[in-house]
Amino acid sequence: MDRLRNWAWWAIAGGILLSPVFAFLLAVVVEILIGVLVQCGASALLILAAGVMSGRLLFRKHRTRGRAGNLLGDQA
């Protein structure tokens, strides 16, 4: 079971190749959201908050749980 299946390799390759496309589409969606808020006459603070939250979602670091081997005996 230490070898990846064929579909897993294709999923990894597809994700790597399509990630710029997904990033571009996400940027277009954010731009549309800000445009809709501007057209509706929303306040500048709401538009700024929407932009900041969108950027935070795009550039946040994904936190993963550390391995249990790094903990001391009484912390596990």
N, C-alpha and C. Protein backbone atom coordinates (compact mmCIF):
# COMPACT_ATOMS: atom_id res chain seq x y z
N MET A 1 0.81 -1.20 0.00
CA MET A 1 0.00 0.00 0.00
C MET A 1 0.85 1.26 0.00
N ASP A 2 2.15 1.14 -0.23
CA ASP A 2 2.99 2.32 -0.22
C ASP A 2 3.04 3.00 -1.59
N ARG A 3 2.39 2.42 -2.58
CA ARG A 3 2.36 3.04 -3.91
C ARG A 3 1.02 3.74 -4.11
N LEU A 4 1.06 4.88 -4.75
CA LEU A 4 -0.17 5.59 -5.07
C LEU A 4 -0.86 4.93 -6.25
N ARG A 5 -2.16 4.98 -6.22
CA ARG A 5 -2.92 4.44 -7.34
C ARG A 5 -2.80 5.38 -8.54
N ASN A 6 -3.18 4.86 -9.68
CA ASN A 6 -3.06 5.62 -10.92
C ASN A 6 -3.91 6.89 -10.88
N TRP A 7 -5.13 6.81 -10.34
CA TRP A 7 -6.00 7.98 -10.31
C TRP A 7 -5.45 9.04 -9.38
N ALA A 8 -4.70 8.63 -8.34
CA ALA A 8 -4.12 9.61 -7.42
C ALA A 8 -3.05 10.43 -8.13
N TRP A 9 -2.25 9.78 -8.96
CA TRP A 9 -1.23 10.51 -9.71
C TRP A 9 -1.87 11.52 -10.66
N TRP A 10 -2.95 11.10 -11.32
CA TRP A 10 -3.64 12.01 -12.23
C TRP A 10 -4.30 13.16 -11.49
N ALA A 11 -4.81 12.90 -10.29
CA ALA A 11 -5.43 13.96 -9.49
C ALA A 11 -4.38 14.99 -9.07
N ILE A 12 -3.21 14.51 -8.67
CA ILE A 12 -2.12 15.42 -8.27
C ILE A 12 -1.66 16.24 -9.47
N ALA A 13 -1.44 15.57 -10.61
CA ALA A 13 -0.99 16.29 -11.82
C ALA A 13 -2.04 17.28 -12.28
N GLY A 14 -3.31 16.90 -12.25
CA GLY A 14 -4.38 17.80 -12.66
C GLY A 14 -4.48 19.00 -11.74
N GLY A 15 -4.33 18.78 -10.44
CA GLY A 15 -4.37 19.88 -9.49
C GLY A 15 -3.23 20.86 -9.69
N ILE A 16 -2.06 20.34 -9.99
CA ILE A 16 -0.91 21.21 -10.22
C ILE A 16 -1.08 22.00 -11.50
N LEU A 17 -1.56 21.34 -12.55
CA LEU A 17 -1.71 22.02 -13.83
C LEU A 17 -2.87 23.00 -13.85
N LEU A 18 -3.93 22.71 -13.11
CA LEU A 18 -5.11 23.57 -13.13
C LEU A 18 -5.14 24.62 -12.02
N SER A 19 -4.19 24.60 -11.12
CA SER A 19 -4.21 25.56 -10.02
C SER A 19 -4.14 27.01 -10.49
N PRO A 20 -3.37 27.37 -11.52
CA PRO A 20 -3.43 28.76 -12.00
C PRO A 20 -4.81 29.13 -12.54
N VAL A 21 -5.48 28.19 -13.16
CA VAL A 21 -6.81 28.45 -13.69
C VAL A 21 -7.78 28.71 -12.55
N PHE A 22 -7.71 27.89 -11.50
CA PHE A 22 -8.57 28.09 -10.34
C PHE A 22 -8.29 29.42 -9.66
N ALA A 23 -7.03 29.79 -9.56
CA ALA A 23 -6.68 31.07 -8.93
C ALA A 23 -7.23 32.24 -9.76
N PHE A 24 -7.13 32.15 -11.07
CA PHE A 24 -7.66 33.21 -11.93
C PHE A 24 -9.17 33.31 -11.79
N LEU A 25 -9.87 32.17 -11.80
CA LEU A 25 -11.32 32.20 -11.66
C LEU A 25 -11.74 32.75 -10.30
N LEU A 26 -11.00 32.43 -9.26
CA LEU A 26 -11.31 32.96 -7.94
C LEU A 26 -11.09 34.47 -7.90
N ALA A 27 -10.05 34.95 -8.55
CA ALA A 27 -9.82 36.40 -8.61
C ALA A 27 -10.94 37.10 -9.39
N VAL A 28 -11.44 36.47 -10.45
CA VAL A 28 -12.55 37.04 -11.21
C VAL A 28 -13.81 37.11 -10.35
N VAL A 29 -14.06 36.07 -9.58
CA VAL A 29 -15.23 36.05 -8.69
C VAL A 29 -15.14 37.16 -7.65
N VAL A 30 -13.96 37.37 -7.09
CA VAL A 30 -13.78 38.44 -6.10
C VAL A 30 -14.01 39.80 -6.76
N GLU A 31 -13.51 39.98 -7.96
CA GLU A 31 -13.71 41.24 -8.68
C GLU A 31 -15.19 41.48 -8.97
N ILE A 32 -15.91 40.45 -9.34
CA ILE A 32 -17.35 40.57 -9.59
C ILE A 32 -18.07 40.93 -8.30
N LEU A 33 -17.70 40.30 -7.20
CA LEU A 33 -18.32 40.59 -5.90
C LEU A 33 -18.13 42.05 -5.52
N ILE A 34 -16.93 42.55 -5.70
CA ILE A 34 -16.67 43.95 -5.37
C ILE A 34 -17.43 44.87 -6.32
N GLY A 35 -17.52 44.51 -7.59
CA GLY A 35 -18.28 45.30 -8.55
C GLY A 35 -19.76 45.36 -8.21
N VAL A 36 -20.31 44.23 -7.77
CA VAL A 36 -21.72 44.20 -7.38
C VAL A 36 -21.95 45.08 -6.16
N LEU A 37 -21.04 45.04 -5.20
CA LEU A 37 -21.19 45.88 -4.01
C LEU A 37 -21.12 47.36 -4.37
N VAL A 38 -20.25 47.71 -5.31
CA VAL A 38 -20.14 49.11 -5.73
C VAL A 38 -21.42 49.55 -6.44
N GLN A 39 -21.95 48.70 -7.32
CA GLN A 39 -23.16 49.04 -8.06
C GLN A 39 -24.38 49.16 -7.15
N CYS A 40 -24.40 48.40 -6.07
CA CYS A 40 -25.53 48.46 -5.12
C CYS A 40 -25.44 49.69 -4.22
N GLY A 41 -24.34 50.38 -4.26
CA GLY A 41 -24.19 51.57 -3.44
C GLY A 41 -23.79 51.25 -2.01
N ALA A 42 -23.07 50.16 -1.83
CA ALA A 42 -22.62 49.79 -0.49
C ALA A 42 -21.55 50.77 -0.02
N SER A 43 -21.42 50.86 1.27
CA SER A 43 -20.43 51.78 1.83
C SER A 43 -19.01 51.29 1.53
N ALA A 44 -18.08 52.21 1.57
CA ALA A 44 -16.69 51.87 1.28
C ALA A 44 -16.13 50.90 2.33
N LEU A 45 -16.62 51.00 3.55
CA LEU A 45 -16.15 50.10 4.60
C LEU A 45 -16.57 48.66 4.31
N LEU A 46 -17.79 48.46 3.82
CA LEU A 46 -18.26 47.12 3.48
C LEU A 46 -17.47 46.55 2.31
N ILE A 47 -17.17 47.39 1.33
CA ILE A 47 -16.39 46.94 0.18
C ILE A 47 -14.97 46.59 0.61
N LEU A 48 -14.40 47.39 1.47
CA LEU A 48 -13.06 47.10 1.99
C LEU A 48 -13.05 45.81 2.79
N ALA A 49 -14.07 45.60 3.61
CA ALA A 49 -14.16 44.37 4.40
C ALA A 49 -14.28 43.15 3.50
N ALA A 50 -15.07 43.26 2.43
CA ALA A 50 -15.20 42.14 1.50
C ALA A 50 -13.87 41.84 0.81
N GLY A 51 -13.14 42.87 0.44
CA GLY A 51 -11.83 42.67 -0.18
C GLY A 51 -10.83 42.03 0.77
N VAL A 52 -10.83 42.48 2.01
CA VAL A 52 -9.90 41.93 3.01
C VAL A 52 -10.24 40.48 3.30
N MET A 53 -11.51 40.17 3.45
CA MET A 53 -11.89 38.78 3.74
C MET A 53 -11.57 37.87 2.56
N SER A 54 -11.77 38.34 1.35
CA SER A 54 -11.43 37.54 0.17
C SER A 54 -9.93 37.30 0.11
N GLY A 55 -9.14 38.33 0.36
CA GLY A 55 -7.69 38.15 0.39
C GLY A 55 -7.23 37.23 1.49
N ARG A 56 -7.88 37.32 2.63
CA ARG A 56 -7.53 36.43 3.74
C ARG A 56 -7.81 34.98 3.39
N LEU A 57 -8.92 34.73 2.72
CA LEU A 57 -9.24 33.37 2.31
C LEU A 57 -8.27 32.85 1.26
N LEU A 58 -7.80 33.75 0.40
CA LEU A 58 -6.88 33.33 -0.65
C LEU A 58 -5.48 33.04 -0.13
N PHE A 59 -5.01 33.85 0.80
CA PHE A 59 -3.61 33.76 1.19
C PHE A 59 -3.36 33.22 2.59
N ARG A 60 -4.37 32.64 3.21
CA ARG A 60 -4.15 32.09 4.55
C ARG A 60 -3.34 30.81 4.46
N LYS A 61 -2.61 30.54 5.50
CA LYS A 61 -1.84 29.31 5.55
C LYS A 61 -2.73 28.22 6.11
N HIS A 62 -2.65 27.07 5.50
CA HIS A 62 -3.44 25.96 5.98
C HIS A 62 -2.71 25.33 7.16
N ARG A 63 -3.36 25.36 8.29
CA ARG A 63 -2.74 24.83 9.49
C ARG A 63 -3.00 23.34 9.58
N THR A 64 -1.94 22.61 9.83
CA THR A 64 -2.07 21.18 10.00
C THR A 64 -1.64 20.82 11.41
N ARG A 65 -2.17 19.76 11.87
CA ARG A 65 -1.82 19.30 13.22
C ARG A 65 -0.46 18.63 13.17
N GLY A 66 0.38 18.98 14.14
CA GLY A 66 1.72 18.41 14.19
C GLY A 66 1.69 16.94 14.55
N ARG A 67 2.77 16.28 14.25
CA ARG A 67 2.86 14.86 14.57
C ARG A 67 2.97 14.67 16.07
N ALA A 68 2.46 13.59 16.57
CA ALA A 68 2.48 13.31 18.00
C ALA A 68 3.90 13.01 18.48
N GLY A 69 4.81 12.68 17.58
CA GLY A 69 6.18 12.37 17.96
C GLY A 69 6.94 13.60 18.45
N ASN A 70 6.44 14.79 18.13
CA ASN A 70 7.11 16.01 18.53
C ASN A 70 6.75 16.42 19.97
N LEU A 71 5.78 15.78 20.56
CA LEU A 71 5.32 16.18 21.88
C LEU A 71 6.09 15.43 22.97
N LEU A 72 6.13 16.05 24.11
CA LEU A 72 6.74 15.38 25.26
C LEU A 72 5.73 14.39 25.84
N GLY A 73 6.19 13.57 26.76
CA GLY A 73 5.35 12.52 27.31
C GLY A 73 4.08 13.02 27.98
N ASP A 74 4.13 14.13 28.71
CA ASP A 74 2.95 14.59 29.42
C ASP A 74 2.05 15.46 28.55
N GLN A 75 2.48 15.83 27.34
CA GLN A 75 1.65 16.64 26.46
C GLN A 75 0.76 15.79 25.56
N ALA A 76 1.11 14.55 25.39
CA ALA A 76 0.33 13.68 24.49
C ALA A 76 -0.89 13.23 25.19
